[in-house]
PDB file of N, CA and C in Angstrom:
ATOM      1  N   MET A   1      12.044   3.008 -15.782  1.00  0.00           N
ATOM      2  CA  MET A   1      13.241   2.400 -15.254  1.00  0.00           C
ATOM      3  C   MET A   1      13.301   0.981 -15.809  1.00  0.00           C
ATOM      4  N   ASN A   2      14.454   0.586 -16.285  1.00  0.00           N
ATOM      5  CA  ASN A   2      14.577  -0.781 -16.776  1.00  0.00           C
ATOM      6  C   ASN A   2      15.272  -1.640 -15.715  1.00  0.00           C
ATOM      7  N   TRP A   3      15.262  -2.959 -15.952  1.00  0.00           N
ATOM      8  CA  TRP A   3      15.763  -3.848 -14.913  1.00  0.00           C
ATOM      9  C   TRP A   3      17.249  -3.664 -14.654  1.00  0.00           C
ATOM     10  N   SER A   4      18.027  -3.325 -15.651  1.00  0.00           N
ATOM     11  CA  SER A   4      19.461  -3.111 -15.405  1.00  0.00           C
ATOM     12  C   SER A   4      19.680  -1.941 -14.449  1.00  0.00           C
ATOM     13  N   GLU A   5      18.841  -0.911 -14.519  1.00  0.00           N
ATOM     14  CA  GLU A   5      18.920   0.195 -13.561  1.00  0.00           C
ATOM     15  C   GLU A   5      18.541  -0.279 -12.160  1.00  0.00           C
ATOM     16  N   ILE A   6      17.533  -1.123 -12.096  1.00  0.00           N
ATOM     17  CA  ILE A   6      17.107  -1.668 -10.807  1.00  0.00           C
ATOM     18  C   ILE A   6      18.240  -2.467 -10.180  1.00  0.00           C
ATOM     19  N   GLU A   7      18.878  -3.318 -10.963  1.00  0.00           N
ATOM     20  CA  GLU A   7      20.011  -4.114 -10.471  1.00  0.00           C
ATOM     21  C   GLU A   7      21.170  -3.232 -10.022  1.00  0.00           C
ATOM     22  N   SER A   8      21.461  -2.209 -10.813  1.00  0.00           N
ATOM     23  CA  SER A   8      22.601  -1.343 -10.522  1.00  0.00           C
ATOM     24  C   SER A   8      22.432  -0.545  -9.238  1.00  0.00           C
ATOM     25  N   HIS A   9      21.203  -0.257  -8.892  1.00  0.00           N
ATOM     26  CA  HIS A   9      20.913   0.576  -7.718  1.00  0.00           C
ATOM     27  C   HIS A   9      20.053  -0.206  -6.732  1.00  0.00           C
ATOM     28  N   TRP A  10      20.439  -1.449  -6.477  1.00  0.00           N
ATOM     29  CA  TRP A  10      19.595  -2.348  -5.706  1.00  0.00           C
ATOM     30  C   TRP A  10      19.262  -1.811  -4.317  1.00  0.00           C
ATOM     31  N   GLY A  11      20.165  -1.147  -3.665  1.00  0.00           N
ATOM     32  CA  GLY A  11      19.885  -0.626  -2.331  1.00  0.00           C
ATOM     33  C   GLY A  11      18.677   0.282  -2.304  1.00  0.00           C
ATOM     34  N   VAL A  12      18.590   1.170  -3.277  1.00  0.00           N
ATOM     35  CA  VAL A  12      17.465   2.097  -3.369  1.00  0.00           C
ATOM     36  C   VAL A  12      16.231   1.388  -3.908  1.00  0.00           C
ATOM     37  N   THR A  13      16.400   0.650  -4.973  1.00  0.00           N
ATOM     38  CA  THR A  13      15.226   0.061  -5.619  1.00  0.00           C
ATOM     39  C   THR A  13      14.623  -1.073  -4.795  1.00  0.00           C
ATOM     40  N   SER A  14      15.415  -1.747  -3.979  1.00  0.00           N
ATOM     41  CA  SER A  14      14.822  -2.779  -3.129  1.00  0.00           C
ATOM     42  C   SER A  14      13.845  -2.152  -2.134  1.00  0.00           C
ATOM     43  N   ARG A  15      14.151  -0.943  -1.681  1.00  0.00           N
ATOM     44  CA  ARG A  15      13.209  -0.234  -0.798  1.00  0.00           C
ATOM     45  C   ARG A  15      11.956   0.181  -1.562  1.00  0.00           C
ATOM     46  N   LEU A  16      12.112   0.561  -2.831  1.00  0.00           N
ATOM     47  CA  LEU A  16      10.946   0.883  -3.649  1.00  0.00           C
ATOM     48  C   LEU A  16      10.088  -0.354  -3.889  1.00  0.00           C
ATOM     49  N   ILE A  17      10.736  -1.488  -4.105  1.00  0.00           N
ATOM     50  CA  ILE A  17      10.011  -2.745  -4.278  1.00  0.00           C
ATOM     51  C   ILE A  17       9.238  -3.072  -3.006  1.00  0.00           C
ATOM     52  N   ALA A  18       9.897  -2.940  -1.863  1.00  0.00           N
ATOM     53  CA  ALA A  18       9.241  -3.226  -0.584  1.00  0.00           C
ATOM     54  C   ALA A  18       8.052  -2.298  -0.340  1.00  0.00           C
ATOM     55  N   SER A  19       8.168  -1.044  -0.756  1.00  0.00           N
ATOM     56  CA  SER A  19       7.045  -0.123  -0.548  1.00  0.00           C
ATOM     57  C   SER A  19       5.933  -0.348  -1.569  1.00  0.00           C
ATOM     58  N   SER A  20       6.263  -0.934  -2.706  1.00  0.00           N
ATOM     59  CA  SER A  20       5.246  -1.218  -3.724  1.00  0.00           C
ATOM     60  C   SER A  20       4.453  -2.475  -3.382  1.00  0.00           C
ATOM     61  N   TRP A  21       5.125  -3.464  -2.805  1.00  0.00           N
ATOM     62  CA  TRP A  21       4.474  -4.715  -2.421  1.00  0.00           C
ATOM     63  C   TRP A  21       4.706  -4.916  -0.935  1.00  0.00           C
ATOM     64  N   LYS A  22       3.767  -4.420  -0.134  1.00  0.00           N
ATOM     65  CA  LYS A  22       3.910  -4.321   1.323  1.00  0.00           C
ATOM     66  C   LYS A  22       4.059  -5.669   2.027  1.00  0.00           C
ATOM     67  N   GLU A  23       3.618  -6.758   1.412  1.00  0.00           N
ATOM     68  CA  GLU A  23       3.690  -8.058   2.067  1.00  0.00           C
ATOM     69  C   GLU A  23       5.079  -8.705   1.970  1.00  0.00           C
ATOM     70  N   LEU A  24       5.991  -8.105   1.221  1.00  0.00           N
ATOM     71  CA  LEU A  24       7.325  -8.678   1.080  1.00  0.00           C
ATOM     72  C   LEU A  24       8.144  -8.422   2.344  1.00  0.00           C
ATOM     73  N   SER A  25       8.839  -9.442   2.771  1.00  0.00           N
ATOM     74  CA  SER A  25       9.685  -9.344   3.968  1.00  0.00           C
ATOM     75  C   SER A  25      11.135  -9.100   3.556  1.00  0.00           C
ATOM     76  N   GLY A  26      11.960  -8.847   4.530  1.00  0.00           N
ATOM     77  CA  GLY A  26      13.388  -8.716   4.274  1.00  0.00           C
ATOM     78  C   GLY A  26      13.967  -9.994   3.687  1.00  0.00           C
ATOM     79  N   ASP A  27      13.473 -11.135   4.162  1.00  0.00           N
ATOM     80  CA  ASP A  27      13.911 -12.418   3.604  1.00  0.00           C
ATOM     81  C   ASP A  27      13.506 -12.534   2.132  1.00  0.00           C
ATOM     82  N   ASP A  28      12.301 -12.052   1.811  1.00  0.00           N
ATOM     83  CA  ASP A  28      11.850 -12.071   0.412  1.00  0.00           C
ATOM     84  C   ASP A  28      12.790 -11.249  -0.460  1.00  0.00           C
ATOM     85  N   LEU A  29      13.164 -10.068   0.023  1.00  0.00           N
ATOM     86  CA  LEU A  29      14.081  -9.220  -0.752  1.00  0.00           C
ATOM     87  C   LEU A  29      15.431  -9.905  -0.933  1.00  0.00           C
ATOM     88  N   GLY A  30      15.872 -10.636   0.073  1.00  0.00           N
ATOM     89  CA  GLY A  30      17.102 -11.402  -0.050  1.00  0.00           C
ATOM     90  C   GLY A  30      16.983 -12.509  -1.083  1.00  0.00           C
ATOM     91  N   ARG A  31      15.827 -13.141  -1.144  1.00  0.00           N
ATOM     92  CA  ARG A  31      15.591 -14.199  -2.134  1.00  0.00           C
ATOM     93  C   ARG A  31      15.598 -13.637  -3.551  1.00  0.00           C
ATOM     94  N   ILE A  32      15.114 -12.418  -3.707  1.00  0.00           N
ATOM     95  CA  ILE A  32      15.076 -11.792  -5.036  1.00  0.00           C
ATOM     96  C   ILE A  32      16.492 -11.623  -5.563  1.00  0.00           C
ATOM     97  N   ASP A  33      17.392 -11.154  -4.717  1.00  0.00           N
ATOM     98  CA  ASP A  33      18.806 -11.015  -5.052  1.00  0.00           C
ATOM     99  C   ASP A  33      19.024 -10.345  -6.412  1.00  0.00           C
ATOM    100  N   ARG A  34      18.359  -9.224  -6.614  1.00  0.00           N
ATOM    101  CA  ARG A  34      18.506  -8.400  -7.822  1.00  0.00           C
ATOM    102  C   ARG A  34      17.956  -9.036  -9.096  1.00  0.00           C
ATOM    103  N   SER A  35      17.339 -10.170  -8.989  1.00  0.00           N
ATOM    104  CA  SER A  35      16.881 -10.915 -10.161  1.00  0.00           C
ATOM    105  C   SER A  35      15.411 -10.636 -10.465  1.00  0.00           C
ATOM    106  N   ARG A  36      15.139 -10.308 -11.710  1.00  0.00           N
ATOM    107  CA  ARG A  36      13.752 -10.087 -12.139  1.00  0.00           C
ATOM    108  C   ARG A  36      12.941 -11.371 -11.972  1.00  0.00           C
ATOM    109  N   ASP A  37      13.538 -12.499 -12.354  1.00  0.00           N
ATOM    110  CA  ASP A  37      12.864 -13.788 -12.171  1.00  0.00           C
ATOM    111  C   ASP A  37      12.658 -14.087 -10.692  1.00  0.00           C
ATOM    112  N   GLY A  38      13.619 -13.667  -9.876  1.00  0.00           N
ATOM    113  CA  GLY A  38      13.481 -13.835  -8.437  1.00  0.00           C
ATOM    114  C   GLY A  38      12.315 -13.043  -7.888  1.00  0.00           C
ATOM    115  N   LEU A  39      12.150 -11.808  -8.365  1.00  0.00           N
ATOM    116  CA  LEU A  39      11.018 -10.993  -7.937  1.00  0.00           C
ATOM    117  C   LEU A  39       9.712 -11.651  -8.364  1.00  0.00           C
ATOM    118  N   ALA A  40       9.659 -12.136  -9.588  1.00  0.00           N
ATOM    119  CA  ALA A  40       8.439 -12.800 -10.073  1.00  0.00           C
ATOM    120  C   ALA A  40       8.100 -14.009  -9.204  1.00  0.00           C
ATOM    121  N   ALA A  41       9.105 -14.807  -8.862  1.00  0.00           N
ATOM    122  CA  ALA A  41       8.873 -15.987  -8.026  1.00  0.00           C
ATOM    123  C   ALA A  41       8.354 -15.595  -6.642  1.00  0.00           C
ATOM    124  N   VAL A  42       8.949 -14.570  -6.056  1.00  0.00           N
ATOM    125  CA  VAL A  42       8.524 -14.121  -4.728  1.00  0.00           C
ATOM    126  C   VAL A  42       7.099 -13.569  -4.786  1.00  0.00           C
ATOM    127  N   LEU A  43       6.784 -12.803  -5.810  1.00  0.00           N
ATOM    128  CA  LEU A  43       5.423 -12.272  -5.934  1.00  0.00           C
ATOM    129  C   LEU A  43       4.407 -13.402  -6.098  1.00  0.00           C
ATOM    130  N   ARG A  44       4.762 -14.406  -6.879  1.00  0.00           N
ATOM    131  CA  ARG A  44       3.857 -15.555  -7.035  1.00  0.00           C
ATOM    132  C   ARG A  44       3.647 -16.260  -5.703  1.00  0.00           C
ATOM    133  N   ASP A  45       4.724 -16.467  -4.964  1.00  0.00           N
ATOM    134  CA  ASP A  45       4.625 -17.153  -3.674  1.00  0.00           C
ATOM    135  C   ASP A  45       3.854 -16.331  -2.647  1.00  0.00           C
ATOM    136  N   ARG A  46       4.209 -15.069  -2.530  1.00  0.00           N
ATOM    137  CA  ARG A  46       3.649 -14.229  -1.471  1.00  0.00           C
ATOM    138  C   ARG A  46       2.188 -13.852  -1.728  1.00  0.00           C
ATOM    139  N   TYR A  47       1.859 -13.560  -2.989  1.00  0.00           N
ATOM    140  CA  TYR A  47       0.514 -13.087  -3.310  1.00  0.00           C
ATOM    141  C   TYR A  47      -0.367 -14.153  -3.958  1.00  0.00           C
ATOM    142  N   GLY A  48       0.205 -15.291  -4.305  1.00  0.00           N
ATOM    143  CA  GLY A  48      -0.581 -16.346  -4.935  1.00  0.00           C
ATOM    144  C   GLY A  48      -0.927 -16.058  -6.387  1.00  0.00           C
ATOM    145  N   TRP A  49      -0.142 -15.206  -7.020  1.00  0.00           N
ATOM    146  CA  TRP A  49      -0.402 -14.829  -8.406  1.00  0.00           C
ATOM    147  C   TRP A  49       0.161 -15.867  -9.361  1.00  0.00           C
ATOM    148  N   ASP A  50      -0.413 -15.913 -10.555  1.00  0.00           N
ATOM    149  CA  ASP A  50       0.184 -16.738 -11.595  1.00  0.00           C
ATOM    150  C   ASP A  50       1.309 -15.939 -12.261  1.00  0.00           C
ATOM    151  N   ALA A  51       2.044 -16.602 -13.154  1.00  0.00           N
ATOM    152  CA  ALA A  51       3.207 -15.968 -13.789  1.00  0.00           C
ATOM    153  C   ALA A  51       2.809 -14.727 -14.581  1.00  0.00           C
ATOM    154  N   GLN A  52       1.667 -14.760 -15.243  1.00  0.00           N
ATOM    155  CA  GLN A  52       1.228 -13.627 -16.057  1.00  0.00           C
ATOM    156  C   GLN A  52       0.926 -12.401 -15.190  1.00  0.00           C
ATOM    157  N   LYS A  53       0.269 -12.601 -14.060  1.00  0.00           N
ATOM    158  CA  LYS A  53      -0.041 -11.494 -13.154  1.00  0.00           C
ATOM    159  C   LYS A  53       1.243 -10.911 -12.556  1.00  0.00           C
ATOM    160  N   ALA A  54       2.164 -11.767 -12.141  1.00  0.00           N
ATOM    161  CA  ALA A  54       3.432 -11.288 -11.588  1.00  0.00           C
ATOM    162  C   ALA A  54       4.192 -10.475 -12.627  1.00  0.00           C
ATOM    163  N   GLU A  55       4.229 -10.956 -13.856  1.00  0.00           N
ATOM    164  CA  GLU A  55       4.916 -10.237 -14.937  1.00  0.00           C
ATOM    165  C   GLU A  55       4.266  -8.877 -15.194  1.00  0.00           C
ATOM    166  N   ALA A  56       2.950  -8.822 -15.193  1.00  0.00           N
ATOM    167  CA  ALA A  56       2.240  -7.553 -15.407  1.00  0.00           C
ATOM    168  C   ALA A  56       2.565  -6.563 -14.291  1.00  0.00           C
ATOM    169  N   GLU A  57       2.628  -7.044 -13.071  1.00  0.00           N
ATOM    170  CA  GLU A  57       2.955  -6.179 -11.932  1.00  0.00           C
ATOM    171  C   GLU A  57       4.383  -5.626 -12.047  1.00  0.00           C
ATOM    172  N   ILE A  58       5.311  -6.473 -12.431  1.00  0.00           N
ATOM    173  CA  ILE A  58       6.702  -6.036 -12.579  1.00  0.00           C
ATOM    174  C   ILE A  58       6.815  -5.018 -13.711  1.00  0.00           C
ATOM    175  N   CYS A  59       6.138  -5.256 -14.822  1.00  0.00           N
ATOM    176  CA  CYS A  59       6.162  -4.304 -15.939  1.00  0.00           C
ATOM    177  C   CYS A  59       5.597  -2.951 -15.518  1.00  0.00           C
ATOM    178  N   ALA A  60       4.515  -2.969 -14.754  1.00  0.00           N
ATOM    179  CA  ALA A  60       3.923  -1.714 -14.266  1.00  0.00           C
ATOM    180  C   ALA A  60       4.897  -0.995 -13.338  1.00  0.00           C
ATOM    181  N   PHE A  61       5.578  -1.738 -12.481  1.00  0.00           N
ATOM    182  CA  PHE A  61       6.574  -1.150 -11.581  1.00  0.00           C
ATOM    183  C   PHE A  61       7.689  -0.495 -12.388  1.00  0.00           C
ATOM    184  N   GLU A  62       8.218  -1.204 -13.379  1.00  0.00           N
ATOM    185  CA  GLU A  62       9.298  -0.656 -14.202  1.00  0.00           C
ATOM    186  C   GLU A  62       8.849   0.615 -14.930  1.00  0.00           C
ATOM    187  N   LYS A  63       7.613   0.632 -15.365  1.00  0.00           N
ATOM    188  CA  LYS A  63       7.087   1.786 -16.105  1.00  0.00           C
ATOM    189  C   LYS A  63       6.852   2.987 -15.184  1.00  0.00           C
ATOM    190  N   ASP A  64       6.333   2.729 -14.004  1.00  0.00           N
ATOM    191  CA  ASP A  64       5.890   3.805 -13.117  1.00  0.00           C
ATOM    192  C   ASP A  64       6.972   4.385 -12.219  1.00  0.00           C
ATOM    193  N   VAL A  65       7.962   3.599 -11.866  1.00  0.00           N
ATOM    194  CA  VAL A  65       8.981   4.068 -10.917  1.00  0.00           C
ATOM    195  C   VAL A  65      10.058   4.818 -11.693  1.00  0.00           C
ATOM    196  N   ARG A  66      10.366   5.987 -11.228  1.00  0.00           N
ATOM    197  CA  ARG A  66      11.383   6.832 -11.852  1.00  0.00           C
ATOM    198  C   ARG A  66      12.291   7.397 -10.787  1.00  0.00           C
ATOM    199  N   TRP A  67      13.521   7.686 -11.183  1.00  0.00           N
ATOM    200  CA  TRP A  67      14.442   8.361 -10.278  1.00  0.00           C
ATOM    201  C   TRP A  67      13.965   9.781 -10.047  1.00  0.00           C
ATOM    202  N   PRO A  68      14.226  10.326  -8.878  1.00  0.00           N
ATOM    203  CA  PRO A  68      13.852  11.726  -8.639  1.00  0.00           C
ATOM    204  C   PRO A  68      14.425  12.638  -9.712  1.00  0.00           C
ATOM    205  N   GLY A  69      13.585  13.470 -10.271  1.00  0.00           N
ATOM    206  CA  GLY A  69      14.018  14.414 -11.294  1.00  0.00           C
ATOM    207  C   GLY A  69      13.976  13.871 -12.704  1.00  0.00           C
ATOM    208  N   ALA A  70      13.685  12.590 -12.845  1.00  0.00           N
ATOM    209  CA  ALA A  70      13.631  12.002 -14.202  1.00  0.00           C
ATOM    210  C   ALA A  70      12.369  12.449 -14.913  1.00  0.00           C
ATOM    211  N   VAL A  71      12.477  12.581 -16.202  1.00  0.00           N
ATOM    212  CA  VAL A  71      11.333  12.962 -17.022  1.00  0.00           C
ATOM    213  C   VAL A  71      10.667  11.692 -17.515  1.00  0.00           C
ATOM    214  N   LYS A  72       9.379  11.603 -17.333  1.00  0.00           N
ATOM    215  CA  LYS A  72       8.624  10.427 -17.728  1.00  0.00           C
ATOM    216  C   LYS A  72       8.199  10.508 -19.165  1.00  0.00           C
TER     217      LYS A  72
END
């Protein structure tokens, strides 16, 4: 899944983000506001990660999360 798909289907993917990073709150999801940079900032704040770790986590999420029925 690429970020444009995540943005386009934010209602669904925000729940996937919340289930992937359990420490994120509803306020955190609001701060992200569909933005990849926003997600990176929230992950850095919430988990204490540096920019490289946050980026690696987001890349893994994009690679691993697929729509139901999608071929990987």
